[in-house]
């Protein structure tokens, strides 16, 4: 007989067996320790990445077990841990890079891009920069097209305003990964959390 624990992950409660809970706790502790050991990482950035990783774990659990009250098993936790990896690129908490070895590169697997406003390269609201990333165009080209549309009449102005209102900001590391079309893994999210 196994003990079942009710754990809150990413703002949602999951029934999880004791072995799976211990494995997930060890993973999250090692993940946080890996982030804290990085130079230049502020505690607010570490907290932001930890929130994002918990939200991603929640999404993966929900997609696997659905809306029912099925218990999260150790095999599901192992699957999620191997899918997310670690910020340094290693796949398992126990398999850190040994002395003299460089860590594995972050996962660069491409996924479908999502349209966000790019707040890191914004002039006014980040609309043109976000569109340029989404369409794989030069930001200057998109800005010129928007400026020409604005000068030709109010049509360009209204397009910009509508996009400003409708397109969300890329604030979290997970959203930045989606904006660039990268898979939402720990390694990719850590790349955006230090900026």
N, C-alpha and C. Protein backbone atom coordinates (compact mmCIF):
# COMPACT_ATOMS: atom_id res chain seq x y z
N UNK A 1 0.84 -1.16 0.00
CA UNK A 1 0.00 0.00 0.00
C UNK A 1 0.90 1.24 0.00
N UNK A 2 0.56 2.24 -0.85
CA UNK A 2 1.35 3.46 -0.92
C UNK A 2 0.55 4.63 -0.35
N UNK A 3 1.28 5.53 0.27
CA UNK A 3 0.67 6.73 0.80
C UNK A 3 0.48 7.73 -0.33
N UNK A 4 -0.66 8.40 -0.36
CA UNK A 4 -0.96 9.41 -1.37
C UNK A 4 -0.99 10.77 -0.68
N UNK A 5 -0.28 11.72 -1.29
CA UNK A 5 -0.16 13.07 -0.73
C UNK A 5 -0.88 14.03 -1.68
N UNK A 6 -1.52 15.03 -1.13
CA UNK A 6 -2.16 16.06 -1.93
C UNK A 6 -1.18 17.23 -2.00
N UNK A 7 -0.60 17.49 -3.19
CA UNK A 7 0.42 18.52 -3.34
C UNK A 7 -0.07 19.63 -4.27
N UNK A 8 0.27 20.86 -3.93
CA UNK A 8 -0.07 22.02 -4.77
C UNK A 8 1.11 22.32 -5.68
N UNK A 9 0.91 22.17 -6.98
CA UNK A 9 1.95 22.40 -7.98
C UNK A 9 1.41 23.37 -9.00
N UNK A 10 2.05 24.51 -9.14
CA UNK A 10 1.62 25.51 -10.11
C UNK A 10 0.23 26.05 -9.85
N UNK A 11 -0.16 26.10 -8.58
CA UNK A 11 -1.47 26.64 -8.23
C UNK A 11 -2.61 25.66 -8.33
N UNK A 12 -2.31 24.40 -8.59
CA UNK A 12 -3.36 23.39 -8.69
C UNK A 12 -3.01 22.21 -7.81
N UNK A 13 -3.99 21.61 -7.21
CA UNK A 13 -3.79 20.49 -6.30
C UNK A 13 -3.79 19.17 -7.07
N UNK A 14 -2.79 18.33 -6.78
CA UNK A 14 -2.69 17.02 -7.42
C UNK A 14 -2.52 15.94 -6.36
N UNK A 15 -3.25 14.83 -6.51
CA UNK A 15 -2.94 13.67 -5.66
C UNK A 15 -1.69 12.99 -6.23
N UNK A 16 -0.68 12.78 -5.40
CA UNK A 16 0.59 12.26 -5.87
C UNK A 16 1.08 11.22 -4.87
N UNK A 17 1.54 10.06 -5.38
CA UNK A 17 2.00 9.05 -4.43
C UNK A 17 3.32 9.48 -3.80
N UNK A 18 3.64 8.87 -2.65
CA UNK A 18 4.77 9.33 -1.84
C UNK A 18 6.11 9.25 -2.57
N UNK A 19 6.35 8.17 -3.32
CA UNK A 19 7.60 8.06 -4.07
C UNK A 19 7.72 9.15 -5.13
N UNK A 20 6.62 9.41 -5.83
CA UNK A 20 6.61 10.46 -6.86
C UNK A 20 6.82 11.83 -6.22
N UNK A 21 6.22 12.05 -5.05
CA UNK A 21 6.37 13.32 -4.35
C UNK A 21 7.84 13.55 -3.95
N UNK A 22 8.46 12.50 -3.41
CA UNK A 22 9.87 12.62 -3.00
C UNK A 22 10.76 12.90 -4.21
N UNK A 23 10.50 12.24 -5.32
CA UNK A 23 11.31 12.45 -6.54
C UNK A 23 11.12 13.87 -7.07
N UNK A 24 9.87 14.34 -7.11
CA UNK A 24 9.59 15.68 -7.58
C UNK A 24 10.20 16.74 -6.66
N UNK A 25 10.12 16.51 -5.35
CA UNK A 25 10.74 17.45 -4.40
C UNK A 25 12.24 17.52 -4.59
N UNK A 26 12.87 16.36 -4.77
CA UNK A 26 14.32 16.32 -4.98
C UNK A 26 14.68 17.05 -6.28
N UNK A 27 13.90 16.85 -7.32
CA UNK A 27 14.14 17.53 -8.59
C UNK A 27 14.04 19.04 -8.43
N UNK A 28 12.95 19.51 -7.80
CA UNK A 28 12.75 20.95 -7.63
C UNK A 28 13.82 21.57 -6.73
N UNK A 29 14.22 20.85 -5.67
CA UNK A 29 15.29 21.35 -4.79
C UNK A 29 16.60 21.47 -5.56
N UNK A 30 16.93 20.43 -6.34
CA UNK A 30 18.17 20.46 -7.11
C UNK A 30 18.11 21.54 -8.18
N UNK A 31 16.95 21.69 -8.80
CA UNK A 31 16.76 22.72 -9.82
C UNK A 31 16.99 24.11 -9.23
N UNK A 32 16.40 24.37 -8.07
CA UNK A 32 16.55 25.67 -7.42
C UNK A 32 18.01 25.88 -6.99
N UNK A 33 18.64 24.84 -6.46
CA UNK A 33 20.04 24.94 -6.08
C UNK A 33 20.93 25.25 -7.27
N UNK A 34 20.60 24.67 -8.42
CA UNK A 34 21.35 24.92 -9.64
C UNK A 34 21.21 26.38 -10.06
N UNK A 35 20.01 26.93 -9.93
CA UNK A 35 19.79 28.34 -10.28
C UNK A 35 20.49 29.28 -9.31
N UNK A 36 20.41 28.96 -8.01
CA UNK A 36 21.01 29.82 -6.99
C UNK A 36 22.52 29.87 -7.15
N UNK A 37 23.12 28.76 -7.59
CA UNK A 37 24.57 28.72 -7.72
C UNK A 37 25.10 29.52 -8.92
N UNK A 38 24.22 29.93 -9.80
CA UNK A 38 24.64 30.73 -10.95
C UNK A 38 24.98 32.14 -10.52
N UNK A 39 26.05 32.66 -11.08
CA UNK A 39 26.42 34.04 -10.79
C UNK A 39 25.47 34.97 -11.53
N UNK A 40 25.10 36.06 -10.88
CA UNK A 40 24.26 37.06 -11.53
C UNK A 40 22.77 36.81 -11.43
N UNK A 41 22.35 35.67 -10.87
CA UNK A 41 20.92 35.39 -10.73
C UNK A 41 20.42 36.04 -9.45
N UNK A 42 19.46 36.92 -9.57
CA UNK A 42 18.84 37.53 -8.41
C UNK A 42 17.80 36.58 -7.83
N UNK A 43 17.50 36.76 -6.56
CA UNK A 43 16.52 35.86 -5.94
C UNK A 43 15.15 36.01 -6.58
N UNK A 44 14.82 37.22 -7.05
CA UNK A 44 13.53 37.40 -7.73
C UNK A 44 13.49 36.64 -9.05
N UNK A 45 14.64 36.56 -9.75
CA UNK A 45 14.70 35.80 -10.99
C UNK A 45 14.59 34.31 -10.71
N UNK A 46 15.22 33.85 -9.63
CA UNK A 46 15.12 32.44 -9.26
C UNK A 46 13.68 32.09 -8.94
N UNK A 47 13.01 32.96 -8.17
CA UNK A 47 11.60 32.73 -7.82
C UNK A 47 10.72 32.69 -9.08
N UNK A 48 11.00 33.59 -10.02
CA UNK A 48 10.22 33.64 -11.27
C UNK A 48 10.39 32.36 -12.08
N UNK A 49 11.63 31.88 -12.18
CA UNK A 49 11.88 30.64 -12.92
C UNK A 49 11.23 29.46 -12.21
N UNK A 50 11.28 29.43 -10.88
CA UNK A 50 10.66 28.34 -10.13
C UNK A 50 9.14 28.34 -10.31
N UNK A 51 8.53 29.52 -10.33
CA UNK A 51 7.09 29.60 -10.60
C UNK A 51 6.77 29.07 -12.00
N UNK A 52 7.58 29.47 -12.97
CA UNK A 52 7.37 29.02 -14.35
C UNK A 52 7.53 27.51 -14.47
N UNK A 53 8.53 26.95 -13.81
CA UNK A 53 8.76 25.51 -13.92
C UNK A 53 7.62 24.75 -13.25
N UNK A 54 7.10 25.27 -12.13
CA UNK A 54 5.96 24.61 -11.48
C UNK A 54 4.71 24.69 -12.35
N UNK A 55 4.49 25.84 -13.02
CA UNK A 55 3.35 25.97 -13.92
C UNK A 55 3.48 25.00 -15.09
N UNK A 56 4.70 24.83 -15.59
CA UNK A 56 4.91 23.89 -16.71
C UNK A 56 4.68 22.46 -16.25
N UNK A 57 5.13 22.12 -15.04
CA UNK A 57 4.89 20.78 -14.49
C UNK A 57 3.39 20.56 -14.35
N UNK A 58 2.68 21.58 -13.87
CA UNK A 58 1.22 21.50 -13.73
C UNK A 58 0.57 21.23 -15.08
N UNK A 59 0.99 21.96 -16.12
CA UNK A 59 0.44 21.74 -17.47
C UNK A 59 0.69 20.31 -17.95
N UNK A 60 1.90 19.82 -17.74
CA UNK A 60 2.23 18.46 -18.19
C UNK A 60 1.43 17.41 -17.42
N UNK A 61 1.28 17.60 -16.10
CA UNK A 61 0.47 16.68 -15.31
C UNK A 61 -0.98 16.69 -15.79
N UNK A 62 -1.53 17.89 -16.03
CA UNK A 62 -2.92 17.99 -16.48
C UNK A 62 -3.11 17.32 -17.83
N UNK A 63 -2.13 17.46 -18.73
CA UNK A 63 -2.28 16.85 -20.05
C UNK A 63 -2.20 15.32 -19.96
N UNK A 64 -1.47 14.82 -18.98
CA UNK A 64 -1.33 13.37 -18.85
C UNK A 64 -2.48 12.71 -18.09
N UNK A 65 -2.91 13.33 -17.00
CA UNK A 65 -3.94 12.68 -16.19
C UNK A 65 -5.33 13.24 -16.43
N UNK A 66 -5.42 14.34 -17.19
CA UNK A 66 -6.73 14.92 -17.48
C UNK A 66 -7.30 15.62 -16.26
N UNK A 67 -8.59 15.80 -16.26
CA UNK A 67 -9.26 16.53 -15.18
C UNK A 67 -9.71 15.61 -14.05
N UNK A 68 -9.55 14.31 -14.22
CA UNK A 68 -9.97 13.37 -13.19
C UNK A 68 -9.07 13.41 -11.99
N UNK A 69 -9.37 12.63 -11.00
CA UNK A 69 -8.60 12.61 -9.75
C UNK A 69 -7.58 11.48 -9.76
N UNK A 70 -7.02 11.15 -10.93
CA UNK A 70 -6.01 10.11 -11.02
C UNK A 70 -4.76 10.52 -10.26
N UNK A 71 -4.11 9.59 -9.66
CA UNK A 71 -2.92 9.86 -8.84
C UNK A 71 -1.70 9.98 -9.75
N UNK A 72 -0.87 10.99 -9.49
CA UNK A 72 0.38 11.16 -10.21
C UNK A 72 1.36 10.10 -9.72
N UNK A 73 1.88 9.33 -10.66
CA UNK A 73 2.76 8.23 -10.30
C UNK A 73 4.23 8.61 -10.49
N UNK A 74 5.11 7.75 -9.99
CA UNK A 74 6.54 7.97 -10.14
C UNK A 74 6.96 7.96 -11.60
N UNK A 75 6.34 7.11 -12.41
CA UNK A 75 6.70 7.06 -13.83
C UNK A 75 6.34 8.36 -14.54
N UNK A 76 5.22 8.98 -14.17
CA UNK A 76 4.85 10.27 -14.76
C UNK A 76 5.82 11.37 -14.33
N UNK A 77 6.21 11.36 -13.07
CA UNK A 77 7.18 12.35 -12.59
C UNK A 77 8.51 12.17 -13.32
N UNK A 78 8.96 10.93 -13.50
CA UNK A 78 10.20 10.67 -14.23
C UNK A 78 10.11 11.17 -15.67
N UNK A 79 8.96 10.98 -16.29
CA UNK A 79 8.75 11.45 -17.67
C UNK A 79 8.84 12.97 -17.74
N UNK A 80 8.19 13.65 -16.80
CA UNK A 80 8.20 15.11 -16.77
C UNK A 80 9.60 15.64 -16.48
N UNK A 81 10.30 15.03 -15.53
CA UNK A 81 11.66 15.46 -15.18
C UNK A 81 12.59 15.29 -16.37
N UNK A 82 12.48 14.17 -17.08
CA UNK A 82 13.35 13.97 -18.25
C UNK A 82 13.00 14.94 -19.38
N UNK A 83 11.74 15.31 -19.49
CA UNK A 83 11.33 16.25 -20.53
C UNK A 83 11.81 17.66 -20.23
N UNK A 84 11.74 18.09 -18.98
CA UNK A 84 12.13 19.45 -18.61
C UNK A 84 13.64 19.62 -18.49
N UNK A 85 14.31 18.66 -17.91
CA UNK A 85 15.75 18.77 -17.74
C UNK A 85 16.12 19.76 -16.66
N UNK A 86 17.38 20.22 -16.70
CA UNK A 86 17.91 21.14 -15.70
C UNK A 86 18.40 22.41 -16.39
N UNK A 87 18.56 23.50 -15.64
CA UNK A 87 19.01 24.75 -16.25
C UNK A 87 20.38 24.66 -16.91
N UNK A 88 21.24 23.77 -16.41
CA UNK A 88 22.57 23.64 -17.01
C UNK A 88 22.59 22.68 -18.19
N UNK A 89 21.45 22.14 -18.55
CA UNK A 89 21.36 21.27 -19.71
C UNK A 89 21.37 19.79 -19.37
N UNK A 90 21.72 19.42 -18.14
CA UNK A 90 21.71 18.01 -17.78
C UNK A 90 20.26 17.56 -17.65
N UNK A 91 20.04 16.26 -17.80
CA UNK A 91 18.67 15.78 -17.80
C UNK A 91 18.21 15.26 -16.44
N UNK A 92 19.12 14.86 -15.59
CA UNK A 92 18.76 14.31 -14.29
C UNK A 92 19.40 15.12 -13.18
N UNK A 93 18.73 15.29 -12.05
CA UNK A 93 19.32 16.03 -10.95
C UNK A 93 20.64 15.44 -10.46
N UNK A 94 20.79 14.14 -10.51
CA UNK A 94 22.00 13.52 -10.01
C UNK A 94 23.14 13.55 -11.01
N UNK A 95 22.85 13.89 -12.27
CA UNK A 95 23.88 13.82 -13.30
C UNK A 95 24.40 15.20 -13.68
N UNK A 96 24.93 15.92 -12.68
CA UNK A 96 25.53 17.21 -12.96
C UNK A 96 26.80 17.01 -13.76
N UNK A 97 27.31 18.06 -14.37
CA UNK A 97 28.53 17.96 -15.16
C UNK A 97 29.70 17.74 -14.22
N UNK A 98 30.50 16.73 -14.50
CA UNK A 98 31.66 16.46 -13.66
C UNK A 98 32.75 17.45 -13.99
N UNK A 99 33.76 17.48 -13.12
CA UNK A 99 34.84 18.45 -13.28
C UNK A 99 35.52 18.27 -14.62
N UNK A 100 35.74 19.36 -15.30
CA UNK A 100 36.41 19.32 -16.60
C UNK A 100 35.48 19.14 -17.77
N UNK A 101 34.23 18.80 -17.52
CA UNK A 101 33.28 18.60 -18.61
C UNK A 101 32.35 19.80 -18.69
N UNK A 102 32.09 20.24 -19.89
CA UNK A 102 31.15 21.35 -20.09
C UNK A 102 29.73 20.79 -20.02
N UNK A 103 28.79 21.57 -19.49
CA UNK A 103 27.41 21.09 -19.47
C UNK A 103 26.85 20.99 -20.87
N UNK A 104 25.87 20.13 -21.02
CA UNK A 104 25.25 19.95 -22.33
C UNK A 104 24.55 21.24 -22.73
N UNK A 105 24.49 21.53 -24.03
CA UNK A 105 23.82 22.76 -24.46
C UNK A 105 22.33 22.68 -24.19
N UNK A 106 21.68 23.84 -24.02
CA UNK A 106 20.23 23.84 -23.80
C UNK A 106 19.49 23.24 -24.98
N UNK A 107 18.29 22.75 -24.70
CA UNK A 107 17.47 22.15 -25.74
C UNK A 107 17.03 23.23 -26.73
N UNK A 108 17.39 23.06 -28.00
CA UNK A 108 17.06 24.06 -29.01
C UNK A 108 15.94 23.55 -29.93
N UNK A 109 15.23 22.52 -29.50
CA UNK A 109 14.15 21.98 -30.31
C UNK A 109 13.12 23.06 -30.58
N UNK A 110 12.78 23.24 -31.84
CA UNK A 110 11.85 24.28 -32.23
C UNK A 110 10.41 23.78 -32.10
N UNK A 111 9.56 24.66 -31.64
CA UNK A 111 8.13 24.38 -31.59
C UNK A 111 7.43 25.52 -32.33
N UNK A 112 6.12 25.47 -32.37
CA UNK A 112 5.36 26.52 -33.06
C UNK A 112 5.46 27.82 -32.26
N UNK A 113 5.77 28.91 -32.96
CA UNK A 113 5.90 30.21 -32.31
C UNK A 113 4.53 30.75 -31.94
N UNK A 114 4.52 31.57 -30.89
CA UNK A 114 3.31 32.29 -30.50
C UNK A 114 3.62 33.78 -30.58
N UNK A 115 2.61 34.56 -30.92
CA UNK A 115 2.79 35.99 -31.06
C UNK A 115 2.69 36.67 -29.70
N UNK A 116 3.77 37.35 -29.31
CA UNK A 116 3.83 38.15 -28.09
C UNK A 116 4.46 39.49 -28.43
N UNK A 117 4.24 40.47 -27.58
CA UNK A 117 4.95 41.74 -27.70
C UNK A 117 6.31 41.58 -27.02
N UNK A 118 7.38 41.92 -27.73
CA UNK A 118 8.73 41.77 -27.21
C UNK A 118 9.10 43.01 -26.41
N UNK A 119 9.10 42.90 -25.10
CA UNK A 119 9.34 44.06 -24.24
C UNK A 119 10.83 44.37 -24.09
N UNK A 120 11.70 43.49 -24.53
CA UNK A 120 13.14 43.74 -24.42
C UNK A 120 13.66 44.62 -25.55
N UNK A 121 13.01 44.63 -26.68
CA UNK A 121 13.46 45.42 -27.83
C UNK A 121 12.33 46.34 -28.31
N UNK A 122 11.66 46.95 -27.37
CA UNK A 122 10.50 47.77 -27.73
C UNK A 122 10.90 49.21 -28.00
N UNK A 123 10.15 49.87 -28.87
CA UNK A 123 10.27 51.30 -29.07
C UNK A 123 9.10 51.98 -28.37
N UNK A 124 7.89 51.49 -28.64
CA UNK A 124 6.70 52.03 -27.97
C UNK A 124 6.08 50.93 -27.10
N UNK A 125 5.60 49.88 -27.73
CA UNK A 125 4.92 48.83 -26.97
C UNK A 125 5.44 47.44 -27.29
N UNK A 126 6.42 47.30 -28.17
CA UNK A 126 6.97 46.00 -28.50
C UNK A 126 6.21 45.25 -29.57
N UNK A 127 5.23 45.89 -30.21
CA UNK A 127 4.41 45.24 -31.22
C UNK A 127 5.26 44.88 -32.44
N UNK A 128 6.00 45.83 -32.97
CA UNK A 128 6.79 45.60 -34.19
C UNK A 128 7.87 44.55 -33.95
N UNK A 129 8.52 44.62 -32.80
CA UNK A 129 9.56 43.64 -32.48
C UNK A 129 8.98 42.23 -32.34
N UNK A 130 7.82 42.14 -31.70
CA UNK A 130 7.15 40.84 -31.57
C UNK A 130 6.72 40.28 -32.92
N UNK A 131 6.19 41.14 -33.77
CA UNK A 131 5.80 40.71 -35.12
C UNK A 131 7.03 40.26 -35.92
N UNK A 132 8.13 40.99 -35.78
CA UNK A 132 9.35 40.63 -36.51
C UNK A 132 9.84 39.25 -36.10
N UNK A 133 9.82 38.95 -34.81
CA UNK A 133 10.24 37.63 -34.34
C UNK A 133 9.28 36.56 -34.86
N UNK A 134 7.99 36.83 -34.76
CA UNK A 134 6.98 35.86 -35.19
C UNK A 134 7.07 35.55 -36.68
N UNK A 135 7.34 36.59 -37.49
CA UNK A 135 7.38 36.43 -38.94
C UNK A 135 8.80 36.18 -39.48
N UNK A 136 9.78 36.10 -38.60
CA UNK A 136 11.19 35.92 -38.99
C UNK A 136 11.65 37.01 -39.95
N UNK A 137 11.36 38.25 -39.59
CA UNK A 137 11.77 39.41 -40.39
C UNK A 137 12.65 40.31 -39.54
N UNK A 138 13.33 41.24 -40.21
CA UNK A 138 14.11 42.23 -39.50
C UNK A 138 13.17 43.22 -38.82
N UNK A 139 13.48 43.57 -37.57
CA UNK A 139 12.63 44.49 -36.82
C UNK A 139 12.51 45.84 -37.53
N UNK A 140 13.62 46.32 -38.10
CA UNK A 140 13.59 47.61 -38.80
C UNK A 140 12.61 47.59 -39.98
N UNK A 141 12.55 46.47 -40.70
CA UNK A 141 11.63 46.35 -41.83
C UNK A 141 10.17 46.45 -41.37
N UNK A 142 9.84 45.76 -40.28
CA UNK A 142 8.47 45.79 -39.77
C UNK A 142 8.13 47.21 -39.29
N UNK A 143 9.09 47.88 -38.64
CA UNK A 143 8.84 49.25 -38.18
C UNK A 143 8.61 50.20 -39.36
N UNK A 144 9.37 50.02 -40.44
CA UNK A 144 9.19 50.86 -41.63
C UNK A 144 7.82 50.62 -42.25
N UNK A 145 7.41 49.38 -42.36
CA UNK A 145 6.09 49.06 -42.93
C UNK A 145 4.99 49.67 -42.06
N UNK A 146 5.12 49.59 -40.74
CA UNK A 146 4.12 50.18 -39.85
C UNK A 146 4.10 51.70 -39.99
N UNK A 147 5.28 52.31 -40.11
CA UNK A 147 5.35 53.76 -40.27
C UNK A 147 4.71 54.21 -41.58
N UNK A 148 4.98 53.48 -42.66
CA UNK A 148 4.37 53.81 -43.96
C UNK A 148 2.85 53.66 -43.88
N UNK A 149 2.38 52.59 -43.25
CA UNK A 149 0.94 52.39 -43.10
C UNK A 149 0.33 53.50 -42.25
N UNK A 150 1.06 53.97 -41.25
CA UNK A 150 0.58 55.06 -40.41
C UNK A 150 0.49 56.36 -41.21
N UNK A 151 1.51 56.62 -42.03
CA UNK A 151 1.53 57.86 -42.81
C UNK A 151 0.51 57.86 -43.95
N UNK A 152 0.11 56.69 -44.41
CA UNK A 152 -0.84 56.58 -45.52
C UNK A 152 -2.29 56.79 -45.05
N UNK A 153 -2.50 56.85 -43.77
CA UNK A 153 -3.86 57.04 -43.25
C UNK A 153 -3.96 56.48 -41.86
N UNK A 154 -5.13 56.50 -41.31
CA UNK A 154 -5.32 56.04 -39.94
C UNK A 154 -5.34 54.52 -39.82
N UNK A 155 -5.33 53.82 -40.97
CA UNK A 155 -5.37 52.36 -40.95
C UNK A 155 -4.19 51.78 -40.17
N UNK A 156 -2.99 52.27 -40.42
CA UNK A 156 -1.80 51.79 -39.72
C UNK A 156 -1.86 52.05 -38.23
N UNK A 157 -2.38 53.21 -37.85
CA UNK A 157 -2.52 53.55 -36.44
C UNK A 157 -3.45 52.57 -35.75
N UNK A 158 -4.59 52.27 -36.38
CA UNK A 158 -5.56 51.36 -35.75
C UNK A 158 -5.05 49.93 -35.68
N UNK A 159 -4.32 49.50 -36.69
CA UNK A 159 -3.71 48.15 -36.64
C UNK A 159 -2.77 48.06 -35.45
N UNK A 160 -1.93 49.07 -35.29
CA UNK A 160 -0.97 49.08 -34.19
C UNK A 160 -1.68 49.06 -32.84
N UNK A 161 -2.70 49.90 -32.68
CA UNK A 161 -3.44 49.98 -31.42
C UNK A 161 -4.13 48.65 -31.11
N UNK A 162 -4.73 48.04 -32.13
CA UNK A 162 -5.41 46.76 -31.92
C UNK A 162 -4.41 45.69 -31.50
N UNK A 163 -3.26 45.64 -32.17
CA UNK A 163 -2.23 44.66 -31.79
C UNK A 163 -1.70 44.95 -30.39
N UNK A 164 -1.55 46.20 -30.04
CA UNK A 164 -1.07 46.60 -28.73
C UNK A 164 -2.01 46.06 -27.65
N UNK A 165 -3.31 46.14 -27.91
CA UNK A 165 -4.30 45.68 -26.94
C UNK A 165 -4.44 44.16 -26.95
N UNK A 166 -4.45 43.56 -28.14
CA UNK A 166 -4.77 42.14 -28.27
C UNK A 166 -3.60 41.20 -28.00
N UNK A 167 -2.38 41.62 -28.31
CA UNK A 167 -1.22 40.73 -28.18
C UNK A 167 -0.62 40.88 -26.79
N UNK A 168 -0.47 39.78 -26.05
CA UNK A 168 0.08 39.87 -24.70
C UNK A 168 1.59 40.12 -24.71
N UNK A 169 2.09 40.63 -23.58
CA UNK A 169 3.53 40.84 -23.41
C UNK A 169 4.21 39.51 -23.14
N UNK A 170 5.45 39.38 -23.61
CA UNK A 170 6.28 38.22 -23.26
C UNK A 170 7.06 38.62 -22.01
N UNK A 171 6.55 38.22 -20.84
CA UNK A 171 7.15 38.64 -19.58
C UNK A 171 7.93 37.50 -18.94
N UNK A 172 7.34 36.33 -18.85
CA UNK A 172 7.99 35.21 -18.18
C UNK A 172 8.94 34.49 -19.13
N UNK A 173 9.91 33.77 -18.59
CA UNK A 173 10.80 32.99 -19.45
C UNK A 173 10.07 31.98 -20.33
N UNK A 174 8.98 31.40 -19.83
CA UNK A 174 8.21 30.44 -20.63
C UNK A 174 7.58 31.14 -21.84
N UNK A 175 7.06 32.34 -21.64
CA UNK A 175 6.46 33.08 -22.75
C UNK A 175 7.53 33.48 -23.77
N UNK A 176 8.72 33.83 -23.29
CA UNK A 176 9.81 34.19 -24.20
C UNK A 176 10.24 32.99 -25.04
N UNK A 177 10.25 31.80 -24.43
CA UNK A 177 10.55 30.58 -25.19
C UNK A 177 9.51 30.38 -26.28
N UNK A 178 8.23 30.54 -25.92
CA UNK A 178 7.16 30.37 -26.91
C UNK A 178 7.27 31.41 -28.01
N UNK A 179 7.66 32.64 -27.67
CA UNK A 179 7.78 33.70 -28.66
C UNK A 179 8.85 33.36 -29.70
N UNK A 180 9.96 32.78 -29.25
CA UNK A 180 11.04 32.43 -30.17
C UNK A 180 10.88 31.05 -30.79
N UNK A 181 9.85 30.31 -30.39
CA UNK A 181 9.61 29.00 -30.96
C UNK A 181 10.48 27.92 -30.35
N UNK A 182 10.97 28.13 -29.13
CA UNK A 182 11.77 27.13 -28.44
C UNK A 182 10.87 26.31 -27.52
N UNK A 183 11.24 25.05 -27.32
CA UNK A 183 10.45 24.24 -26.39
C UNK A 183 10.62 24.80 -24.98
N UNK A 184 9.58 24.69 -24.19
CA UNK A 184 9.60 25.23 -22.83
C UNK A 184 10.24 24.22 -21.91
N UNK A 185 11.58 24.27 -21.88
CA UNK A 185 12.34 23.40 -20.98
C UNK A 185 13.10 24.27 -19.99
N UNK A 186 13.62 23.64 -18.98
CA UNK A 186 14.34 24.38 -17.95
C UNK A 186 15.55 25.11 -18.52
N UNK A 187 16.29 24.45 -19.40
CA UNK A 187 17.48 25.07 -19.98
C UNK A 187 17.14 26.30 -20.80
N UNK A 188 16.07 26.21 -21.59
CA UNK A 188 15.67 27.37 -22.41
C UNK A 188 15.11 28.50 -21.54
N UNK A 189 14.34 28.16 -20.51
CA UNK A 189 13.81 29.20 -19.64
C UNK A 189 14.92 29.90 -18.87
N UNK A 190 15.94 29.16 -18.48
CA UNK A 190 17.05 29.77 -17.73
C UNK A 190 17.82 30.77 -18.61
N UNK A 191 17.85 30.55 -19.91
CA UNK A 191 18.53 31.49 -20.82
C UNK A 191 17.86 32.86 -20.78
N UNK A 192 16.56 32.89 -20.65
CA UNK A 192 15.83 34.15 -20.66
C UNK A 192 15.69 34.77 -19.27
N UNK A 193 15.92 34.01 -18.22
CA UNK A 193 15.74 34.56 -16.86
C UNK A 193 16.90 35.43 -16.44
N UNK A 194 18.06 35.32 -17.08
CA UNK A 194 19.22 36.11 -16.68
C UNK A 194 19.29 37.44 -17.39
N UNK A 195 18.39 37.68 -18.35
CA UNK A 195 18.42 38.94 -19.10
C UNK A 195 17.70 40.04 -18.37
